[in-house]
Protein backbone atom coordinates (compact mmCIF):
# COMPACT_ATOMS: atom_id res chain seq x y z
CA MET A 1 -30.49 42.92 193.23
CA ARG A 2 -28.17 40.63 195.13
CA LEU A 3 -25.02 39.64 193.27
CA ILE A 4 -23.43 36.20 193.48
CA ARG A 5 -19.67 35.92 193.37
CA LEU A 6 -18.62 33.42 190.73
CA GLY A 7 -16.04 30.76 191.45
CA PRO A 8 -13.36 29.59 189.00
CA VAL A 9 -15.61 26.94 187.44
CA ALA A 10 -18.43 29.42 186.89
CA ILE A 11 -15.98 31.95 185.46
CA ARG A 12 -14.63 29.37 183.02
CA TYR A 13 -18.20 28.54 182.05
CA ALA A 14 -19.02 32.22 181.50
CA LEU A 15 -15.90 32.69 179.38
CA GLY A 16 -16.83 29.63 177.36
CA ALA A 17 -20.33 30.98 176.83
CA ALA A 18 -18.89 34.33 175.77
CA SER A 19 -16.58 32.58 173.29
CA CYS A 20 -19.53 30.63 171.94
CA ALA A 21 -21.54 33.84 171.56
CA TYR A 22 -18.59 35.48 169.78
CA ALA A 23 -18.36 32.52 167.42
CA THR A 24 -22.10 32.76 166.74
CA VAL A 25 -21.80 36.44 165.95
CA GLY A 26 -18.94 35.54 163.65
CA VAL A 27 -21.09 33.09 161.76
CA PHE A 28 -23.87 35.60 161.25
CA SER A 29 -21.39 38.31 160.27
CA LEU A 30 -20.65 36.21 157.22
CA THR A 31 -24.19 36.56 155.94
CA GLY A 32 -23.21 39.45 153.77
CA TYR A 33 -20.81 37.32 151.74
CA ALA A 34 -22.07 35.48 148.69
CA GLY A 35 -22.49 31.75 149.11
CA GLN A 36 -22.46 31.79 152.89
CA VAL A 37 -26.21 31.92 153.54
CA ARG A 38 -28.93 30.72 151.21
CA SER A 39 -32.55 31.81 151.17
CA VAL A 40 -35.47 29.38 151.40
CA THR A 41 -36.44 30.81 148.02
CA GLU A 42 -33.55 28.93 146.38
CA GLY A 43 -34.98 25.40 146.25
CA VAL A 44 -33.55 24.01 149.47
CA TYR A 45 -35.85 20.97 149.82
CA SER A 46 -37.18 18.27 147.49
CA THR A 47 -40.77 17.46 146.55
CA GLY A 48 -40.34 13.94 147.92
CA GLN A 49 -39.21 15.30 151.26
CA ALA A 50 -42.17 17.68 151.43
CA ALA A 51 -44.49 14.75 150.68
CA ARG A 52 -43.01 12.83 153.63
CA GLY A 53 -43.44 15.90 155.78
CA GLN A 54 -47.04 16.28 154.67
CA GLN A 55 -47.85 12.77 155.87
CA ILE A 56 -46.32 13.53 159.27
CA TYR A 57 -48.12 16.87 159.37
CA GLN A 58 -51.57 15.35 158.87
CA VAL A 59 -51.03 12.97 161.79
CA GLU A 60 -49.15 15.20 164.23
CA CYS A 61 -49.93 18.82 163.38
CA ALA A 62 -53.13 19.35 161.39
CA GLU A 63 -55.46 19.20 164.38
CA CYS A 64 -53.85 22.31 165.90
CA HIS A 65 -52.56 24.17 162.84
CA GLY A 66 -55.27 23.30 160.29
CA ASN A 67 -55.29 20.97 157.31
CA ALA A 68 -53.85 23.69 155.07
CA MET A 69 -51.64 25.28 157.77
CA GLU A 70 -54.17 28.10 158.00
CA GLY A 71 -54.17 27.96 161.81
CA ALA A 72 -56.72 26.52 164.22
CA SER A 73 -55.94 26.28 167.91
CA GLY A 74 -52.30 26.84 166.95
CA PRO A 75 -51.03 29.69 164.78
CA PRO A 76 -50.85 29.49 160.97
CA LEU A 77 -47.69 28.02 159.49
CA ALA A 78 -48.02 29.83 156.17
CA GLY A 79 -48.91 33.32 155.10
CA GLU A 80 -48.02 36.84 156.08
CA SER A 81 -48.06 36.51 159.86
CA PHE A 82 -45.89 33.37 159.77
CA LEU A 83 -43.32 34.98 157.46
CA SER A 84 -43.30 38.13 159.57
CA ASN A 85 -42.58 36.07 162.68
CA TRP A 86 -39.73 34.18 160.99
CA SER A 87 -38.34 37.15 159.06
CA ALA A 88 -34.59 36.68 158.34
CA ARG A 89 -34.31 33.88 160.90
CA PRO A 90 -32.33 30.69 160.20
CA LEU A 91 -34.33 27.69 159.06
CA ALA A 92 -32.50 25.72 161.78
CA ASN A 93 -34.50 27.69 164.36
CA LEU A 94 -37.76 26.44 162.91
CA VAL A 95 -36.57 22.84 162.91
CA ASP A 96 -35.35 23.23 166.50
CA LYS A 97 -38.75 24.58 167.55
CA ILE A 98 -40.58 21.70 165.87
CA GLN A 99 -38.31 19.04 167.37
CA LYS A 100 -38.16 20.46 170.90
CA THR A 101 -41.64 21.91 171.45
CA MET A 102 -44.07 20.11 169.14
CA PRO A 103 -46.63 18.59 169.17
CA PHE A 104 -47.99 20.82 171.91
CA ASN A 105 -49.09 17.97 174.19
CA LEU A 106 -46.15 15.68 173.40
CA PRO A 107 -43.06 17.86 172.85
CA GLY A 108 -39.83 16.14 171.88
CA SER A 109 -41.57 13.14 170.35
CA LEU A 110 -40.52 13.97 166.77
CA SER A 111 -37.09 12.97 165.50
CA ARG A 112 -34.70 15.38 163.84
CA PRO A 113 -35.33 13.92 160.34
CA GLN A 114 -39.11 14.11 160.91
CA SER A 115 -38.79 17.72 162.05
CA THR A 116 -36.71 18.56 158.98
CA ASP A 117 -39.26 16.91 156.68
CA LEU A 118 -42.00 18.95 158.37
CA ALA A 119 -40.01 22.12 157.71
CA ALA A 120 -39.86 21.11 154.05
CA ASP A 121 -43.64 20.72 154.01
CA ILE A 122 -44.02 24.17 155.59
CA LEU A 123 -41.84 25.64 152.85
CA ARG A 124 -44.00 23.86 150.26
CA ALA A 125 -47.16 25.33 151.81
CA GLY A 126 -45.51 28.75 151.71
CA LYS A 127 -45.01 28.31 147.96
CA PHE A 128 -41.24 28.34 148.20
CA PRO A 129 -39.85 26.33 145.26
CA ALA A 130 -38.50 22.81 145.63
CA GLY A 131 -35.04 21.78 144.49
CA PRO A 132 -33.28 18.58 143.43
CA VAL A 133 -32.09 17.37 146.86
CA ASP A 134 -33.51 16.87 150.34
CA LEU A 135 -32.99 19.48 153.01
CA SER A 136 -30.38 18.05 155.36
CA ASP A 137 -29.49 18.83 158.94
CA ALA A 138 -26.04 20.02 157.83
CA MET A 139 -27.63 22.59 155.50
CA LEU A 140 -29.98 24.15 158.03
CA ALA A 141 -27.61 26.69 159.59
CA GLN A 142 -26.78 28.12 156.15
CA ILE A 143 -30.42 28.71 155.13
CA ALA A 144 -32.64 31.58 156.26
CA PHE A 145 -36.09 32.97 155.65
CA PRO A 146 -36.27 36.18 153.63
CA ALA A 147 -36.58 39.45 155.51
CA ALA A 148 -40.21 40.52 155.63
CA ALA A 149 -41.14 43.90 154.21
CA MET A 150 -42.19 46.56 156.70
CA SER A 151 -45.77 46.33 155.47
CA SER A 152 -45.74 42.62 156.37
CA SER A 153 -45.21 43.36 160.05
CA PRO A 154 -48.44 44.84 161.45
CA ALA A 155 -47.29 44.20 165.00
CA ALA A 156 -44.19 46.33 164.53
CA ALA A 157 -46.12 49.06 162.72
CA LEU A 158 -48.83 49.27 165.35
CA SER A 159 -46.35 49.20 168.21
CA ALA A 160 -44.24 51.90 166.60
CA ALA A 161 -47.33 54.10 166.33
CA THR A 162 -47.95 53.76 170.06
CA SER A 163 -44.27 53.95 171.13
CA LEU A 164 -44.40 50.36 172.37
CA PRO A 165 -42.03 47.57 171.34
CA PRO A 166 -43.64 44.78 169.32
CA PRO A 167 -44.83 41.88 171.47
CA GLU A 168 -42.47 38.97 172.00
CA GLY A 169 -44.94 36.28 173.04
CA ASN A 170 -48.48 35.39 172.09
CA LEU A 171 -51.35 35.88 174.52
CA ALA A 172 -51.19 32.35 175.93
CA GLU A 173 -47.45 32.67 176.59
CA LEU A 174 -47.94 36.02 178.28
CA MET A 175 -50.69 34.65 180.53
CA ARG A 176 -48.62 31.60 181.48
CA ALA A 177 -45.54 33.71 182.14
CA ILE A 178 -47.11 36.43 184.30
CA ALA A 179 -50.82 36.21 185.07
CA PHE A 180 -51.06 32.51 185.91
CA PRO A 181 -48.17 32.14 188.40
CA ASN A 182 -48.74 35.50 190.07
CA SER A 183 -52.49 34.99 190.42
CA ASN A 184 -51.76 31.71 192.17
CA ILE A 185 -49.50 33.52 194.65
CA VAL A 186 -52.38 35.86 195.48
CA PHE A 187 -54.95 33.06 195.66
CA ASN A 188 -52.69 31.09 197.98
CA VAL A 189 -52.86 33.82 200.62
CA GLN A 190 -56.39 32.56 201.39
CA LEU A 191 -54.82 29.31 202.55
CA LYS A 192 -51.53 30.37 204.10
CA ASP A 193 -50.69 33.54 206.00
CA PRO A 194 -47.46 34.78 204.36
CA GLY A 195 -46.35 36.33 207.66
CA ALA A 196 -46.61 33.02 209.47
CA GLN A 197 -44.55 30.91 207.10
CA PRO A 198 -41.19 29.60 208.35
CA LYS A 199 -38.11 31.12 206.80
CA LYS A 200 -36.85 29.05 203.91
CA LYS A 201 -33.51 27.36 204.27
CA PRO A 202 -30.59 28.54 202.12
CA ALA A 203 -30.21 26.90 198.75
CA SER A 204 -28.65 23.49 198.84
CA SER A 205 -25.57 22.27 197.03
CA PRO A 206 -25.14 21.95 194.08
CA PHE A 207 -26.34 25.51 193.64
CA ASP A 208 -29.82 25.97 192.16
CA TYR A 209 -30.77 29.50 191.10
CA PHE A 210 -34.50 28.81 191.24
CA GLU A 211 -34.25 27.36 194.73
CA TRP A 212 -32.04 30.25 195.84
CA GLY A 213 -34.41 32.82 194.36
CA SER A 214 -37.34 31.50 196.36
CA THR A 215 -35.45 32.31 199.58
CA VAL A 216 -34.66 35.93 198.70
CA TYR A 217 -38.17 37.41 198.63
CA PRO A 218 -40.27 35.17 200.88
CA GLY A 219 -43.61 35.69 202.57
CA TRP A 220 -45.32 39.02 202.03
CA LEU A 221 -42.55 40.22 199.72
CA ALA A 222 -43.57 37.58 197.19
CA VAL A 223 -47.20 38.72 197.45
CA ASP A 224 -46.17 42.37 197.00
CA GLN A 225 -44.37 41.47 193.79
CA ALA A 226 -47.15 39.25 192.47
CA ALA A 227 -49.66 42.09 192.93
CA VAL A 228 -47.39 44.52 191.07
CA ALA A 229 -46.91 42.00 188.26
CA LEU A 230 -50.67 41.55 187.82
CA THR A 231 -51.26 45.30 187.77
CA GLU A 232 -48.47 45.97 185.27
CA THR A 233 -49.63 43.12 183.03
CA ALA A 234 -52.60 45.24 181.96
CA ALA A 235 -50.50 47.33 179.56
CA LEU A 236 -49.06 44.17 178.02
CA LEU A 237 -52.55 42.76 177.46
CA LEU A 238 -53.33 45.91 175.46
CA THR A 239 -50.14 45.88 173.36
CA PRO A 240 -51.07 46.39 169.69
CA GLY A 241 -50.07 43.56 167.42
CA ARG A 242 -50.15 40.75 169.99
CA ARG A 243 -51.76 37.56 168.76
CA CYS A 244 -53.59 34.73 170.41
CA GLN A 245 -52.10 31.24 170.35
CA ASN A 246 -54.25 30.42 167.34
CA GLY A 247 -52.79 33.32 165.37
CA ARG A 248 -55.78 35.66 165.59
CA PRO A 249 -55.16 39.22 166.79
CA VAL A 250 -55.85 39.93 170.46
CA PRO A 251 -58.98 42.16 170.47
CA VAL A 252 -57.20 45.10 172.11
CA ASP A 253 -59.61 47.68 170.66
CA ARG A 254 -62.83 46.05 171.87
CA ALA A 255 -64.63 47.75 174.74
CA ASP A 256 -65.26 44.53 176.66
CA TRP A 257 -61.60 43.47 176.39
CA LYS A 258 -60.51 46.84 177.79
CA GLN A 259 -63.05 46.44 180.59
CA TYR A 260 -61.71 42.99 181.51
CA VAL A 261 -58.12 44.24 181.46
CA ALA A 262 -59.06 47.19 183.68
CA ALA A 263 -60.70 44.80 186.15
CA LEU A 264 -57.51 42.74 186.33
CA ALA A 265 -55.44 45.86 186.98
CA GLU A 266 -57.86 46.97 189.67
CA ALA A 267 -57.68 43.57 191.38
CA GLY A 268 -53.89 43.78 191.24
CA LYS A 269 -53.95 47.20 192.89
CA LEU A 270 -56.26 45.96 195.65
CA ALA A 271 -53.93 43.03 196.23
CA HIS A 272 -50.96 45.39 196.42
CA TRP A 273 -52.62 47.67 198.97
CA ALA A 274 -53.71 44.74 201.14
CA SER A 275 -50.28 43.13 200.87
CA GLN A 276 -48.43 46.29 201.82
CA ALA A 277 -50.74 46.60 204.83
CA ARG A 278 -49.99 42.94 205.62
CA ASN A 279 -53.75 42.47 205.88
CA TYR A 280 -54.18 38.71 205.70
CA GLU A 281 -57.96 38.83 206.23
CA ALA A 282 -58.48 41.18 203.28
CA PHE A 283 -57.34 38.54 200.81
CA VAL A 284 -60.61 36.65 200.85
CA ASP A 285 -62.22 39.67 199.20
CA VAL A 286 -59.16 40.37 197.06
CA SER A 287 -59.15 36.79 195.77
CA ASP A 288 -62.85 37.00 194.93
CA LYS A 289 -62.29 40.14 192.87
CA LEU A 290 -59.28 38.64 191.10
CA ASN A 291 -61.19 35.44 190.38
CA ASP A 292 -64.11 37.43 188.95
CA ALA A 293 -61.79 39.50 186.78
CA CYS A 294 -60.21 36.37 185.35
CA ALA A 295 -63.42 34.34 185.01
CA ASN A 296 -65.42 37.08 183.28
CA CYS A 297 -62.77 37.42 180.57
CA HIS A 298 -62.24 33.68 180.26
CA LYS A 299 -65.95 33.04 179.64
CA VAL A 300 -65.89 35.28 176.59
CA TYR A 301 -62.42 34.84 175.18
CA ARG A 302 -60.94 31.58 176.48
CA ASP A 303 -63.35 28.93 177.71
CA LYS A 304 -65.30 28.57 174.48
CA GLY A 305 -62.03 27.51 172.89
CA GLY A 306 -61.79 24.28 174.87
CA ALA A 307 -59.10 22.79 177.08
CA GLU A 308 -55.44 23.74 177.31
CA GLY A 309 -53.69 23.27 173.99
CA SER A 310 -56.89 23.84 172.01
CA GLY A 311 -58.69 27.06 171.27
CA ALA A 312 -59.50 27.45 167.60
CA ALA A 313 -62.49 29.62 168.56
CA ARG A 314 -60.63 31.93 170.91
CA CYS A 315 -60.18 35.67 170.40
CA GLN A 316 -63.18 35.91 168.08
């Protein structure tokens, strides 16, 4: 990997980030001291606040997460899988996620107070007791979810049994992160010969890492890497404990799922061989096989769930 020499400004920034990280570690190191961190079990929100949050929830969240937070196209916001996911994490993280990423099709549209009220409603749905005062923004960093018991973490248990780490993202996140962008690189070879593309200009000023990165592995090198990524994704699609966006388990043990995953890996290998041979003409056939591998799986496990952002019926 190519290294970039940092200038004085970047060094100061890095030192500042390190200091910030040290301060954060310092905050969490205090969790062992009484009175420093409260649990959501200690009545950290009021019933009135949860009622406000419930009104917001029905308008903004229920369509994706279900009327009772049981999960629909989005994951459940109550129950064992939710608590396992948020085990020992600060309540501030949940409020941040709500404010910055929700609703799915209109992220950032909720205010901080609305997001905090929604968190209160989620605690109510989780049967955590209410207290005498509203949950405030100043309180959030000092409140955390309880640590989930080992039996409450099926993903960790299954992954441990197979010597695999528990999955970080859900199936939709994994597909968007790896399969979607890298498939498009392969598909694009039908339209543009990677060996005939002009060399990209160096990154402009001010420096942009993304722009710079696109100049480092251009042309066929990008196709080589996309093919490897698609092939290696197969193991991740079979990781025990991974869930779909709607909270249901990915059907990793089903014969047809394994067949679809194997077809994706095979298409990735074909793409890699053709790319290493710099065989531009072969990519018409390669793209057909990759498209079939994706489409056959999507018909069964994705398309019946509806458009992007929906999918209550997926992974059934």
